[in-house]
PDB file of N, CA and C in Angstrom:
ATOM      1  N   MET A   1       6.408  -8.087  -0.252  1.00  0.00           N
ATOM      2  CA  MET A   1       6.144  -6.866   1.601  1.00  0.00           C
ATOM      3  C   MET A   1       6.637  -5.157   1.106  1.00  0.00           C
ATOM      4  N   ARG A   2       8.045  -5.168   0.508  1.00  0.00           N
ATOM      5  CA  ARG A   2       8.986  -4.345   0.698  1.00  0.00           C
ATOM      6  C   ARG A   2       8.365  -3.359  -0.879  1.00  0.00           C
ATOM      7  N   LYS A   3       8.441  -4.612  -1.562  1.00  0.00           N
ATOM      8  CA  LYS A   3       7.656  -3.545  -3.000  1.00  0.00           C
ATOM      9  C   LYS A   3       6.440  -2.996  -2.514  1.00  0.00           C
ATOM     10  N   PHE A   4       5.294  -3.851  -2.205  1.00  0.00           N
ATOM     11  CA  PHE A   4       4.005  -2.902  -1.576  1.00  0.00           C
ATOM     12  C   PHE A   4       3.417  -1.172  -0.943  1.00  0.00           C
ATOM     13  N   ILE A   5       4.811  -2.087  -0.014  1.00  0.00           N
ATOM     14  CA  ILE A   5       5.219  -0.108   0.898  1.00  0.00           C
ATOM     15  C   ILE A   5       5.943   0.423   0.441  1.00  0.00           C
ATOM     16  N   ILE A   6       6.971   0.300  -0.440  1.00  0.00           N
ATOM     17  CA  ILE A   6       7.688   1.128  -1.365  1.00  0.00           C
ATOM     18  C   ILE A   6       6.615   1.683  -2.394  1.00  0.00           C
ATOM     19  N   ASN A   7       5.733   1.901  -2.738  1.00  0.00           N
ATOM     20  CA  ASN A   7       4.756   1.599  -3.679  1.00  0.00           C
ATOM     21  C   ASN A   7       3.689   2.392  -3.373  1.00  0.00           C
ATOM     22  N   LEU A   8       3.961   2.445  -1.857  1.00  0.00           N
ATOM     23  CA  LEU A   8       2.476   3.293  -1.921  1.00  0.00           C
ATOM     24  C   LEU A   8       3.023   4.128  -0.760  1.00  0.00           C
ATOM     25  N   LEU A   9       3.929   4.112  -0.412  1.00  0.00           N
ATOM     26  CA  LEU A   9       4.678   5.019  -0.367  1.00  0.00           C
ATOM     27  C   LEU A   9       5.026   6.478  -0.928  1.00  0.00           C
ATOM     28  N   ILE A  10       5.462   5.665  -2.435  1.00  0.00           N
ATOM     29  CA  ILE A  10       5.402   6.621  -3.817  1.00  0.00           C
ATOM     30  C   ILE A  10       4.128   7.264  -4.052  1.00  0.00           C
ATOM     31  N   ILE A  11       2.876   6.256  -3.672  1.00  0.00           N
ATOM     32  CA  ILE A  11       1.744   7.190  -4.133  1.00  0.00           C
ATOM     33  C   ILE A  11       1.075   7.860  -2.574  1.00  0.00           C
ATOM     34  N   CYS A  12       1.371   7.923  -1.795  1.00  0.00           N
ATOM     35  CA  CYS A  12       0.825   9.207  -0.320  1.00  0.00           C
ATOM     36  C   CYS A  12       2.234  10.038  -1.126  1.00  0.00           C
ATOM     37  N   LEU A  13       3.144  10.424  -0.909  1.00  0.00           N
ATOM     38  CA  LEU A  13       4.070  11.266  -1.826  1.00  0.00           C
ATOM     39  C   LEU A  13       3.616  11.998  -3.106  1.00  0.00           C
ATOM     40  N   TYR A  14       2.655  11.835  -3.928  1.00  0.00           N
ATOM     41  CA  TYR A  14       2.441  11.803  -5.159  1.00  0.00           C
ATOM     42  C   TYR A  14       0.499  12.162  -4.554  1.00  0.00           C
ATOM     43  N   CYS A  15       0.509  12.155  -3.145  1.00  0.00           N
ATOM     44  CA  CYS A  15      -0.749  13.018  -3.459  1.00  0.00           C
ATOM     45  C   CYS A  15      -0.652  14.306  -2.078  1.00  0.00           C
ATOM     46  N   PHE A  16       0.474  14.178  -2.821  1.00  0.00           N
ATOM     47  CA  PHE A  16       0.976  15.991  -2.181  1.00  0.00           C
ATOM     48  C   PHE A  16       0.413  16.706  -3.458  1.00  0.00           C
ATOM     49  N   PRO A  17      -1.061  17.656  -3.487  1.00  0.00           N
ATOM     50  CA  PRO A  17      -1.653  18.747  -4.606  1.00  0.00           C
ATOM     51  C   PRO A  17      -0.307  19.837  -5.662  1.00  0.00           C
ATOM     52  N   PHE A  18       0.459  19.338  -6.512  1.00  0.00           N
ATOM     53  CA  PHE A  18       1.556  20.078  -6.507  1.00  0.00           C
ATOM     54  C   PHE A  18       0.817  20.877  -7.854  1.00  0.00           C
ATOM     55  N   GLY A  19      -0.344  20.441  -7.955  1.00  0.00           N
ATOM     56  CA  GLY A  19      -0.373  21.614  -9.227  1.00  0.00           C
ATOM     57  C   GLY A  19      -0.892  22.869  -8.720  1.00  0.00           C
ATOM     58  N   TYR A  20      -1.906  22.414  -7.527  1.00  0.00           N
ATOM     59  CA  TYR A  20      -2.417  23.643  -6.949  1.00  0.00           C
ATOM     60  C   TYR A  20      -1.316  24.481  -5.928  1.00  0.00           C
ATOM     61  N   VAL A  21      -0.577  23.499  -5.396  1.00  0.00           N
ATOM     62  CA  VAL A  21       0.513  24.613  -5.025  1.00  0.00           C
ATOM     63  C   VAL A  21       0.938  25.542  -5.979  1.00  0.00           C
ATOM     64  N   SER A  22       1.636  24.805  -6.981  1.00  0.00           N
ATOM     65  CA  SER A  22       2.047  25.676  -8.052  1.00  0.00           C
ATOM     66  C   SER A  22       1.317  26.683  -8.273  1.00  0.00           C
ATOM     67  N   MET A  23       0.270  26.575  -8.794  1.00  0.00           N
ATOM     68  CA  MET A  23      -0.520  27.326  -9.279  1.00  0.00           C
ATOM     69  C   MET A  23      -0.690  28.686  -8.288  1.00  0.00           C
ATOM     70  N   TYR A  24      -0.718  28.616  -7.023  1.00  0.00           N
ATOM     71  CA  TYR A  24      -0.627  29.023  -5.719  1.00  0.00           C
ATOM     72  C   TYR A  24      -0.113  30.083  -5.522  1.00  0.00           C
ATOM     73  N   GLN A  25       1.432  29.653  -5.739  1.00  0.00           N
ATOM     74  CA  GLN A  25       3.273  30.057  -5.888  1.00  0.00           C
ATOM     75  C   GLN A  25       3.092  31.235  -7.190  1.00  0.00           C
ATOM     76  N   ASP A  26       2.142  31.116  -7.636  1.00  0.00           N
ATOM     77  CA  ASP A  26       2.007  31.807  -8.816  1.00  0.00           C
ATOM     78  C   ASP A  26       1.484  32.783  -8.700  1.00  0.00           C
ATOM     79  N   TRP A  27      -0.208  32.617  -8.221  1.00  0.00           N
ATOM     80  CA  TRP A  27      -1.413  33.441  -8.078  1.00  0.00           C
ATOM     81  C   TRP A  27      -0.736  34.432  -6.933  1.00  0.00           C
ATOM     82  N   ALA A  28       0.147  34.277  -5.890  1.00  0.00           N
ATOM     83  CA  ALA A  28       0.333  35.159  -4.290  1.00  0.00           C
ATOM     84  C   ALA A  28       1.323  35.704  -4.333  1.00  0.00           C
ATOM     85  N   ASN A  29       2.593  34.657  -5.036  1.00  0.00           N
ATOM     86  CA  ASN A  29       3.207  36.147  -4.713  1.00  0.00           C
ATOM     87  C   ASN A  29       4.176  35.809  -6.840  1.00  0.00           C
ATOM     88  N   ALA A  30       3.585  35.543  -7.332  1.00  0.00           N
ATOM     89  CA  ALA A  30       3.798  35.794  -8.811  1.00  0.00           C
ATOM     90  C   ALA A  30       5.160  35.280  -8.921  1.00  0.00           C
ATOM     91  N   SER A  31       5.537  34.064  -8.144  1.00  0.00           N
ATOM     92  CA  SER A  31       6.993  33.647  -8.406  1.00  0.00           C
ATOM     93  C   SER A  31       6.353  31.802  -9.531  1.00  0.00           C
ATOM     94  N   MET A  32       7.408  31.374 -10.402  1.00  0.00           N
ATOM     95  CA  MET A  32       6.760  30.375 -10.834  1.00  0.00           C
ATOM     96  C   MET A  32       8.608  29.219 -10.032  1.00  0.00           C
ATOM     97  N   ILE A  33       8.623  28.828  -8.880  1.00  0.00           N
ATOM     98  CA  ILE A  33       9.520  28.810  -8.623  1.00  0.00           C
ATOM     99  C   ILE A  33       8.176  27.354  -7.932  1.00  0.00           C
ATOM    100  N   GLY A  34       7.218  27.803  -7.402  1.00  0.00           N
ATOM    101  CA  GLY A  34       6.155  26.332  -7.610  1.00  0.00           C
ATOM    102  C   GLY A  34       6.151  25.154  -8.662  1.00  0.00           C
ATOM    103  N   TYR A  35       5.838  25.444 -10.306  1.00  0.00           N
ATOM    104  CA  TYR A  35       6.274  24.671 -11.560  1.00  0.00           C
ATOM    105  C   TYR A  35       7.129  24.068 -11.481  1.00  0.00           C
ATOM    106  N   LEU A  36       8.414  24.597 -11.202  1.00  0.00           N
ATOM    107  CA  LEU A  36       9.983  24.125 -10.932  1.00  0.00           C
ATOM    108  C   LEU A  36       9.708  23.066  -9.859  1.00  0.00           C
ATOM    109  N   THR A  37      10.021  23.479  -8.535  1.00  0.00           N
ATOM    110  CA  THR A  37       8.949  22.361  -6.993  1.00  0.00           C
ATOM    111  C   THR A  37       8.600  21.139  -8.662  1.00  0.00           C
ATOM    112  N   MET A  38       6.983  21.413  -8.762  1.00  0.00           N
ATOM    113  CA  MET A  38       6.296  20.779  -9.287  1.00  0.00           C
ATOM    114  C   MET A  38       7.396  19.494 -10.086  1.00  0.00           C
ATOM    115  N   ILE A  39       7.878  20.231 -10.818  1.00  0.00           N
ATOM    116  CA  ILE A  39       8.815  19.521 -12.439  1.00  0.00           C
ATOM    117  C   ILE A  39       9.789  18.097 -11.820  1.00  0.00           C
ATOM    118  N   VAL A  40      10.405  18.640 -10.880  1.00  0.00           N
ATOM    119  CA  VAL A  40      11.537  18.137  -9.644  1.00  0.00           C
ATOM    120  C   VAL A  40      10.690  17.595  -9.171  1.00  0.00           C
ATOM    121  N   GLY A  41      10.446  17.348  -8.282  1.00  0.00           N
ATOM    122  CA  GLY A  41       9.323  16.972  -7.246  1.00  0.00           C
ATOM    123  C   GLY A  41       8.847  15.492  -7.848  1.00  0.00           C
ATOM    124  N   THR A  42       7.797  15.331  -8.716  1.00  0.00           N
ATOM    125  CA  THR A  42       7.019  14.841  -9.429  1.00  0.00           C
ATOM    126  C   THR A  42       7.882  13.518 -10.068  1.00  0.00           C
ATOM    127  N   SER A  43       9.445  14.408 -10.752  1.00  0.00           N
ATOM    128  CA  SER A  43      10.259  13.434 -11.468  1.00  0.00           C
ATOM    129  C   SER A  43      10.773  12.800 -10.747  1.00  0.00           C
ATOM    130  N   ILE A  44      11.647  12.993  -9.574  1.00  0.00           N
ATOM    131  CA  ILE A  44      12.114  12.192  -8.796  1.00  0.00           C
ATOM    132  C   ILE A  44      11.353  11.423  -7.737  1.00  0.00           C
ATOM    133  N   LEU A  45       9.748  11.349  -8.394  1.00  0.00           N
ATOM    134  CA  LEU A  45       9.246   9.983  -8.425  1.00  0.00           C
ATOM    135  C   LEU A  45       8.964   9.114  -8.683  1.00  0.00           C
ATOM    136  N   ALA A  46       8.800  10.043 -10.444  1.00  0.00           N
ATOM    137  CA  ALA A  46       8.497   8.944 -10.899  1.00  0.00           C
ATOM    138  C   ALA A  46      10.086   7.478 -11.805  1.00  0.00           C
ATOM    139  N   VAL A  47      11.146   8.194 -10.865  1.00  0.00           N
ATOM    140  CA  VAL A  47      11.982   7.863 -11.057  1.00  0.00           C
ATOM    141  C   VAL A  47      12.048   6.685 -10.079  1.00  0.00           C
ATOM    142  N   SER A  48      11.534   7.207  -9.476  1.00  0.00           N
ATOM    143  CA  SER A  48      11.349   6.401  -7.814  1.00  0.00           C
ATOM    144  C   SER A  48      10.563   4.685  -8.345  1.00  0.00           C
ATOM    145  N   SER A  49       9.909   5.232  -9.405  1.00  0.00           N
ATOM    146  CA  SER A  49       8.665   4.377  -9.615  1.00  0.00           C
ATOM    147  C   SER A  49       9.259   3.775 -10.678  1.00  0.00           C
ATOM    148  N   ARG A  50      10.302   4.294 -11.191  1.00  0.00           N
ATOM    149  CA  ARG A  50      11.273   3.425 -12.503  1.00  0.00           C
ATOM    150  C   ARG A  50      11.855   2.715 -11.955  1.00  0.00           C
ATOM    151  N   VAL A  51      12.132   2.674 -11.315  1.00  0.00           N
ATOM    152  CA  VAL A  51      14.149   1.873 -10.309  1.00  0.00           C
ATOM    153  C   VAL A  51      12.314   0.279  -9.546  1.00  0.00           C
ATOM    154  N   PHE A  52      11.842   0.721  -9.342  1.00  0.00           N
ATOM    155  CA  PHE A  52      11.007  -0.320  -8.013  1.00  0.00           C
ATOM    156  C   PHE A  52      10.063  -0.793  -9.505  1.00  0.00           C
ATOM    157  N   ASN A  53      10.417  -1.461 -11.034  1.00  0.00           N
ATOM    158  CA  ASN A  53       9.904  -1.820 -12.063  1.00  0.00           C
ATOM    159  C   ASN A  53       8.630  -1.489 -11.820  1.00  0.00           C
ATOM    160  N   ASN A  54       7.668  -0.305 -11.123  1.00  0.00           N
ATOM    161  CA  ASN A  54       6.310  -0.346 -11.188  1.00  0.00           C
ATOM    162  C   ASN A  54       6.056   0.612 -11.942  1.00  0.00           C
ATOM    163  N   ILE A  55       5.216   0.313 -12.989  1.00  0.00           N
ATOM    164  CA  ILE A  55       3.997   1.842 -13.127  1.00  0.00           C
ATOM    165  C   ILE A  55       2.987   2.615 -12.358  1.00  0.00           C
ATOM    166  N   ILE A  56       2.144   1.734 -11.713  1.00  0.00           N
ATOM    167  CA  ILE A  56       1.082   1.630 -11.271  1.00  0.00           C
ATOM    168  C   ILE A  56       1.200   2.859 -10.416  1.00  0.00           C
ATOM    169  N   PRO A  57       2.187   3.156  -9.580  1.00  0.00           N
ATOM    170  CA  PRO A  57       2.224   4.267  -9.055  1.00  0.00           C
ATOM    171  C   PRO A  57       3.253   5.452  -9.168  1.00  0.00           C
ATOM    172  N   PHE A  58       3.385   5.755 -10.424  1.00  0.00           N
ATOM    173  CA  PHE A  58       3.531   7.122 -11.580  1.00  0.00           C
ATOM    174  C   PHE A  58       1.946   6.684 -11.845  1.00  0.00           C
ATOM    175  N   MET A  59       1.360   5.692 -12.252  1.00  0.00           N
ATOM    176  CA  MET A  59      -0.120   6.508 -13.363  1.00  0.00           C
ATOM    177  C   MET A  59      -0.922   6.629 -12.170  1.00  0.00           C
ATOM    178  N   VAL A  60      -1.060   6.387 -11.199  1.00  0.00           N
ATOM    179  CA  VAL A  60      -1.889   6.618  -9.551  1.00  0.00           C
ATOM    180  C   VAL A  60      -1.813   7.456  -9.172  1.00  0.00           C
ATOM    181  N   GLY A  61      -0.766   7.762  -8.415  1.00  0.00           N
ATOM    182  CA  GLY A  61       0.361   8.969  -8.326  1.00  0.00           C
ATOM    183  C   GLY A  61       0.209  10.209  -8.917  1.00  0.00           C
ATOM    184  N   ASN A  62      -0.048  10.548 -10.730  1.00  0.00           N
ATOM    185  CA  ASN A  62      -0.536  11.968 -10.671  1.00  0.00           C
ATOM    186  C   ASN A  62      -1.589  12.009 -11.177  1.00  0.00           C
ATOM    187  N   LEU A  63      -3.074  11.045 -11.288  1.00  0.00           N
ATOM    188  CA  LEU A  63      -4.441  11.107 -10.937  1.00  0.00           C
ATOM    189  C   LEU A  63      -4.892  11.071  -9.742  1.00  0.00           C
ATOM    190  N   ALA A  64      -3.999  11.316  -8.264  1.00  0.00           N
ATOM    191  CA  ALA A  64      -4.468  11.389  -7.323  1.00  0.00           C
ATOM    192  C   ALA A  64      -3.987  13.155  -7.093  1.00  0.00           C
ATOM    193  N   SER A  65      -3.556  13.064  -8.121  1.00  0.00           N
ATOM    194  CA  SER A  65      -2.488  14.821  -7.309  1.00  0.00           C
ATOM    195  C   SER A  65      -3.029  15.344  -8.466  1.00  0.00           C
ATOM    196  N   ALA A  66      -4.188  14.719  -8.910  1.00  0.00           N
ATOM    197  CA  ALA A  66      -4.166  15.763 -10.121  1.00  0.00           C
ATOM    198  C   ALA A  66      -5.809  16.187  -9.466  1.00  0.00           C
ATOM    199  N   MET A  67      -6.485  15.012  -8.604  1.00  0.00           N
ATOM    200  CA  MET A  67      -7.687  15.437  -8.217  1.00  0.00           C
ATOM    201  C   MET A  67      -7.493  15.949  -6.766  1.00  0.00           C
ATOM    202  N   ILE A  68      -6.934  15.743  -6.343  1.00  0.00           N
ATOM    203  CA  ILE A  68      -6.836  16.473  -5.157  1.00  0.00           C
ATOM    204  C   ILE A  68      -6.272  18.138  -4.798  1.00  0.00           C
ATOM    205  N   SER A  69      -5.847  18.127  -6.499  1.00  0.00           N
ATOM    206  CA  SER A  69      -6.132  19.643  -6.246  1.00  0.00           C
ATOM    207  C   SER A  69      -6.703  20.343  -7.093  1.00  0.00           C
ATOM    208  N   LEU A  70      -7.359  19.849  -7.593  1.00  0.00           N
ATOM    209  CA  LEU A  70      -8.725  19.940  -8.187  1.00  0.00           C
ATOM    210  C   LEU A  70      -9.144  20.242  -6.968  1.00  0.00           C
ATOM    211  N   TYR A  71      -9.091  18.980  -5.876  1.00  0.00           N
ATOM    212  CA  TYR A  71      -9.828  19.540  -4.828  1.00  0.00           C
ATOM    213  C   TYR A  71      -9.525  21.069  -4.278  1.00  0.00           C
ATOM    214  N   PHE A  72      -8.695  20.769  -3.532  1.00  0.00           N
ATOM    215  CA  PHE A  72      -7.776  22.484  -3.363  1.00  0.00           C
ATOM    216  C   PHE A  72      -8.376  23.737  -4.075  1.00  0.00           C
ATOM    217  N   LEU A  73      -8.765  23.123  -5.243  1.00  0.00           N
ATOM    218  CA  LEU A  73      -8.934  24.318  -6.099  1.00  0.00           C
ATOM    219  C   LEU A  73     -10.788  24.643  -6.073  1.00  0.00           C
ATOM    220  N   TYR A  74     -11.603  24.243  -5.564  1.00  0.00           N
ATOM    221  CA  TYR A  74     -12.854  24.307  -5.754  1.00  0.00           C
ATOM    222  C   TYR A  74     -13.188  24.815  -4.558  1.00  0.00           C
ATOM    223  N   ARG A  75     -12.607  24.640  -3.697  1.00  0.00           N
ATOM    224  CA  ARG A  75     -12.033  24.664  -2.237  1.00  0.00           C
ATOM    225  C   ARG A  75     -11.917  26.534  -1.803  1.00  0.00           C
ATOM    226  N   MET A  76     -10.604  26.663  -2.767  1.00  0.00           N
ATOM    227  CA  MET A  76      -9.799  28.056  -2.599  1.00  0.00           C
ATOM    228  C   MET A  76     -11.396  29.546  -3.249  1.00  0.00           C
ATOM    229  N   ASP A  77     -12.080  28.320  -4.909  1.00  0.00           N
ATOM    230  CA  ASP A  77     -13.026  29.207  -4.947  1.00  0.00           C
ATOM    231  C   ASP A  77     -14.071  29.336  -3.904  1.00  0.00           C
ATOM    232  N   ILE A  78     -14.981  28.842  -3.346  1.00  0.00           N
ATOM    233  CA  ILE A  78     -15.284  28.827  -2.506  1.00  0.00           C
ATOM    234  C   ILE A  78     -15.027  29.886  -1.233  1.00  0.00           C
ATOM    235  N   THR A  79     -14.364  29.434  -0.806  1.00  0.00           N
ATOM    236  CA  THR A  79     -13.588  30.510   0.279  1.00  0.00           C
ATOM    237  C   THR A  79     -13.517  32.635   0.136  1.00  0.00           C
ATOM    238  N   LEU A  80     -12.601  32.955  -1.183  1.00  0.00           N
ATOM    239  CA  LEU A  80     -12.798  33.379  -1.930  1.00  0.00           C
ATOM    240  C   LEU A  80     -14.086  34.145  -2.226  1.00  0.00           C
ATOM    241  N   GLY A  81     -14.818  33.041  -3.317  1.00  0.00           N
ATOM    242  CA  GLY A  81     -16.045  33.476  -3.787  1.00  0.00           C
ATOM    243  C   GLY A  81     -15.826  33.603  -5.091  1.00  0.00           C
ATOM    244  N   ASP A  82     -15.003  34.550  -5.901  1.00  0.00           N
ATOM    245  CA  ASP A  82     -14.882  33.962  -7.249  1.00  0.00           C
ATOM    246  C   ASP A  82     -13.094  33.820  -7.727  1.00  0.00           C
ATOM    247  N   GLY A  83     -12.699  33.554  -6.305  1.00  0.00           N
ATOM    248  CA  GLY A  83     -11.818  33.776  -6.166  1.00  0.00           C
ATOM    249  C   GLY A  83     -10.290  33.900  -7.022  1.00  0.00           C
ATOM    250  N   TRP A  84      -9.274  32.895  -7.591  1.00  0.00           N
ATOM    251  CA  TRP A  84      -8.695  33.993  -9.268  1.00  0.00           C
ATOM    252  C   TRP A  84      -8.877  33.349 -10.140  1.00  0.00           C
ATOM    253  N   ASP A  85     -10.543  34.050 -10.387  1.00  0.00           N
ATOM    254  CA  ASP A  85     -10.858  33.593 -11.661  1.00  0.00           C
ATOM    255  C   ASP A  85     -11.047  35.168 -12.398  1.00  0.00           C
ATOM    256  N   HIS A  86     -10.688  36.358 -11.633  1.00  0.00           N
ATOM    257  CA  HIS A  86     -10.714  37.520 -11.849  1.00  0.00           C
ATOM    258  C   HIS A  86      -9.698  37.985 -13.218  1.00  0.00           C
ATOM    259  N   GLY A  87      -9.000  36.615 -13.825  1.00  0.00           N
ATOM    260  CA  GLY A  87      -9.049  37.280 -14.837  1.00  0.00           C
ATOM    261  C   GLY A  87      -6.954  36.549 -15.363  1.00  0.00           C
ATOM    262  N   TYR A  88      -6.500  36.721 -14.541  1.00  0.00           N
ATOM    263  CA  TYR A  88      -4.945  35.582 -13.685  1.00  0.00           C
ATOM    264  C   TYR A  88      -4.197  35.036 -14.996  1.00  0.00           C
ATOM    265  N   PHE A  89      -5.320  33.864 -14.571  1.00  0.00           N
ATOM    266  CA  PHE A  89      -4.848  33.201 -16.097  1.00  0.00           C
ATOM    267  C   PHE A  89      -5.755  33.015 -17.111  1.00  0.00           C
ATOM    268  N   LYS A  90      -5.967  33.734 -17.311  1.00  0.00           N
ATOM    269  CA  LYS A  90      -7.170  34.387 -18.714  1.00  0.00           C
ATOM    270  C   LYS A  90      -5.816  34.187 -19.512  1.00  0.00           C
ATOM    271  N   PRO A  91      -6.567  33.139 -20.520  1.00  0.00           N
ATOM    272  CA  PRO A  91      -7.946  33.049 -21.147  1.00  0.00           C
ATOM    273  C   PRO A  91      -8.267  31.563 -20.495  1.00  0.00           C
ATOM    274  N   PHE A  92      -7.897  31.390 -19.910  1.00  0.00           N
ATOM    275  CA  PHE A  92      -8.200  29.832 -19.480  1.00  0.00           C
ATOM    276  C   PHE A  92      -8.706  30.437 -17.685  1.00  0.00           C
ATOM    277  N   ALA A  93      -9.476  29.519 -17.928  1.00  0.00           N
ATOM    278  CA  ALA A  93      -9.960  29.364 -15.999  1.00  0.00           C
ATOM    279  C   ALA A  93      -9.125  28.828 -15.900  1.00  0.00           C
ATOM    280  N   PRO A  94      -9.343  28.485 -13.912  1.00  0.00           N
ATOM    281  CA  PRO A  94      -8.211  28.150 -13.237  1.00  0.00           C
ATOM    282  C   PRO A  94      -8.164  26.504 -13.282  1.00  0.00           C
ATOM    283  N   HIS A  95      -9.063  25.959 -13.330  1.00  0.00           N
ATOM    284  CA  HIS A  95      -9.004  24.480 -13.510  1.00  0.00           C
ATOM    285  C   HIS A  95      -9.056  24.039 -14.849  1.00  0.00           C
ATOM    286  N   GLN A  96      -9.253  24.648 -15.597  1.00  0.00           N
ATOM    287  CA  GLN A  96      -8.313  24.893 -16.857  1.00  0.00           C
ATOM    288  C   GLN A  96      -6.633  24.234 -17.728  1.00  0.00           C
ATOM    289  N   VAL A  97      -6.048  25.348 -16.231  1.00  0.00           N
ATOM    290  CA  VAL A  97      -5.007  25.643 -16.238  1.00  0.00           C
ATOM    291  C   VAL A  97      -4.668  24.428 -15.316  1.00  0.00           C
ATOM    292  N   LEU A  98      -4.540  24.163 -14.340  1.00  0.00           N
ATOM    293  CA  LEU A  98      -4.940  22.458 -13.969  1.00  0.00           C
ATOM    294  C   LEU A  98      -4.642  22.114 -14.561  1.00  0.00           C
ATOM    295  N   LEU A  99      -5.545  21.337 -15.294  1.00  0.00           N
ATOM    296  CA  LEU A  99      -5.786  20.186 -15.952  1.00  0.00           C
ATOM    297  C   LEU A  99      -4.083  20.181 -16.574  1.00  0.00           C
ATOM    298  N   LEU A 100      -4.444  21.541 -18.261  1.00  0.00           N
ATOM    299  CA  LEU A 100      -2.704  21.626 -18.296  1.00  0.00           C
ATOM    300  C   LEU A 100      -2.352  21.521 -17.853  1.00  0.00           C
ATOM    301  N   ILE A 101      -1.676  21.876 -16.624  1.00  0.00           N
ATOM    302  CA  ILE A 101      -0.042  21.517 -15.742  1.00  0.00           C
ATOM    303  C   ILE A 101       0.628  20.211 -15.503  1.00  0.00           C
ATOM    304  N   SER A 102      -1.065  19.756 -14.970  1.00  0.00           N
ATOM    305  CA  SER A 102      -1.393  18.237 -14.512  1.00  0.00           C
ATOM    306  C   SER A 102      -0.569  17.267 -16.210  1.00  0.00           C
ATOM    307  N   CYS A 103      -1.088  17.910 -17.644  1.00  0.00           N
ATOM    308  CA  CYS A 103      -0.677  16.569 -18.579  1.00  0.00           C
ATOM    309  C   CYS A 103       0.630  17.463 -19.195  1.00  0.00           C
ATOM    310  N   LEU A 104       0.888  18.736 -18.564  1.00  0.00           N
ATOM    311  CA  LEU A 104       2.249  18.887 -19.670  1.00  0.00           C
ATOM    312  C   LEU A 104       3.781  18.181 -18.984  1.00  0.00           C
ATOM    313  N   ASN A 105       2.860  18.217 -16.830  1.00  0.00           N
ATOM    314  CA  ASN A 105       3.648  18.208 -16.602  1.00  0.00           C
ATOM    315  C   ASN A 105       4.293  16.003 -16.411  1.00  0.00           C
ATOM    316  N   LEU A 106       3.295  15.710 -17.364  1.00  0.00           N
ATOM    317  CA  LEU A 106       4.014  14.547 -17.130  1.00  0.00           C
ATOM    318  C   LEU A 106       5.523  13.766 -18.389  1.00  0.00           C
ATOM    319  N   LEU A 107       4.262  14.737 -19.595  1.00  0.00           N
ATOM    320  CA  LEU A 107       6.297  14.310 -19.859  1.00  0.00           C
ATOM    321  C   LEU A 107       7.926  14.449 -19.399  1.00  0.00           C
ATOM    322  N   PRO A 108       7.613  15.650 -18.117  1.00  0.00           N
ATOM    323  CA  PRO A 108       9.234  15.323 -18.134  1.00  0.00           C
ATOM    324  C   PRO A 108       9.410  13.816 -17.267  1.00  0.00           C
ATOM    325  N   GLN A 109       8.274  13.709 -16.783  1.00  0.00           N
ATOM    326  CA  GLN A 109       8.147  12.930 -15.747  1.00  0.00           C
ATOM    327  C   GLN A 109       8.485  11.782 -16.537  1.00  0.00           C
ATOM    328  N   LEU A 110       8.544  11.622 -17.818  1.00  0.00           N
ATOM    329  CA  LEU A 110       8.020  10.544 -18.880  1.00  0.00           C
ATOM    330  C   LEU A 110       9.455  10.057 -19.237  1.00  0.00           C
ATOM    331  N   LEU A 111      10.092  11.342 -20.007  1.00  0.00           N
ATOM    332  CA  LEU A 111      11.032  11.578 -20.295  1.00  0.00           C
ATOM    333  C   LEU A 111      12.271  11.435 -19.222  1.00  0.00           C
ATOM    334  N   VAL A 112      11.946  11.457 -18.267  1.00  0.00           N
ATOM    335  CA  VAL A 112      12.998  10.998 -16.784  1.00  0.00           C
ATOM    336  C   VAL A 112      12.827   9.743 -16.574  1.00  0.00           C
ATOM    337  N   MET A 113      11.353   9.017 -17.003  1.00  0.00           N
ATOM    338  CA  MET A 113      11.590   7.559 -16.835  1.00  0.00           C
ATOM    339  C   MET A 113      12.550   6.952 -18.599  1.00  0.00           C
ATOM    340  N   TRP A 114      12.347   7.563 -19.129  1.00  0.00           N
ATOM    341  CA  TRP A 114      12.792   6.708 -20.150  1.00  0.00           C
ATOM    342  C   TRP A 114      14.058   7.057 -19.609  1.00  0.00           C
ATOM    343  N   LEU A 115      15.231   8.030 -19.838  1.00  0.00           N
ATOM    344  CA  LEU A 115      16.228   7.836 -20.068  1.00  0.00           C
ATOM    345  C   LEU A 115      17.258   7.373 -18.791  1.00  0.00           C
ATOM    346  N   THR A 116      16.072   6.838 -17.988  1.00  0.00           N
ATOM    347  CA  THR A 116      16.729   6.282 -16.374  1.00  0.00           C
ATOM    348  C   THR A 116      16.458   4.377 -16.792  1.00  0.00           C
ATOM    349  N   ASN A 117      15.375   4.478 -17.381  1.00  0.00           N
ATOM    350  CA  ASN A 117      14.573   2.863 -18.704  1.00  0.00           C
ATOM    351  C   ASN A 117      16.579   2.715 -19.637  1.00  0.00           C
ATOM    352  N   ARG A 118      16.735   3.697 -20.532  1.00  0.00           N
ATOM    353  CA  ARG A 118      18.212   3.904 -20.759  1.00  0.00           C
ATOM    354  C   ARG A 118      19.115   3.270 -20.773  1.00  0.00           C
ATOM    355  N   LYS A 119      19.817   3.665 -19.470  1.00  0.00           N
ATOM    356  CA  LYS A 119      21.112   3.320 -18.523  1.00  0.00           C
ATOM    357  C   LYS A 119      20.691   2.357 -18.170  1.00  0.00           C
ATOM    358  N   LYS A 120      19.577   1.514 -17.605  1.00  0.00           N
ATOM    359  CA  LYS A 120      19.509   0.146 -17.576  1.00  0.00           C
ATOM    360  C   LYS A 120      20.215  -0.349 -18.562  1.00  0.00           C
ATOM    361  N   GLU A 121      19.444  -0.316 -19.312  1.00  0.00           N
ATOM    362  CA  GLU A 121      19.623  -1.244 -20.611  1.00  0.00           C
ATOM    363  C   GLU A 121      21.314  -1.093 -21.048  1.00  0.00           C
ATOM    364  N   PRO A 122      21.666  -3.179 -21.456  1.00  0.00           N
ATOM    365  CA  PRO A 122      23.076  -2.697 -21.378  1.00  0.00           C
ATOM    366  C   PRO A 122      23.356  -2.542 -22.758  1.00  0.00           C
ATOM    367  N   VAL A 123      24.759  -2.102 -22.617  1.00  0.00           N
ATOM    368  CA  VAL A 123      24.842  -1.476 -23.653  1.00  0.00           C
ATOM    369  C   VAL A 123      25.476  -2.505 -25.182  1.00  0.00           C
ATOM    370  N   ARG A 124      25.456  -2.329 -26.422  1.00  0.00           N
ATOM    371  CA  ARG A 124      25.663  -3.225 -27.026  1.00  0.00           C
ATOM    372  C   ARG A 124      26.277  -2.815 -28.020  1.00  0.00           C
TER     373      ARG A 124
END
């Protein structure tokens, strides 16, 4: 029961729209701090998932974060009319950038999980 609650908590924390917030920070403030926050936050959650020996919160959480970010991106386009599609993320459309950063964000998470797994193995 304890493991289930921890996994559910990890998934809930992953449901934060990391990609959308990162892109919004970049667009509104011309700041890369949002992307750094996304990398650090999701890497911590990935390690948490790995420590409790369950990969499911990692997979479900990343999908949930990307889908929720896509929803907010869509809502912003409706609210602002053309949204931020006026060339800020060119040559890509905003939804393409979101999918790209969501996929690229998997690399540091997998790296941190791999390093965490290496430390668990006994040294020979």
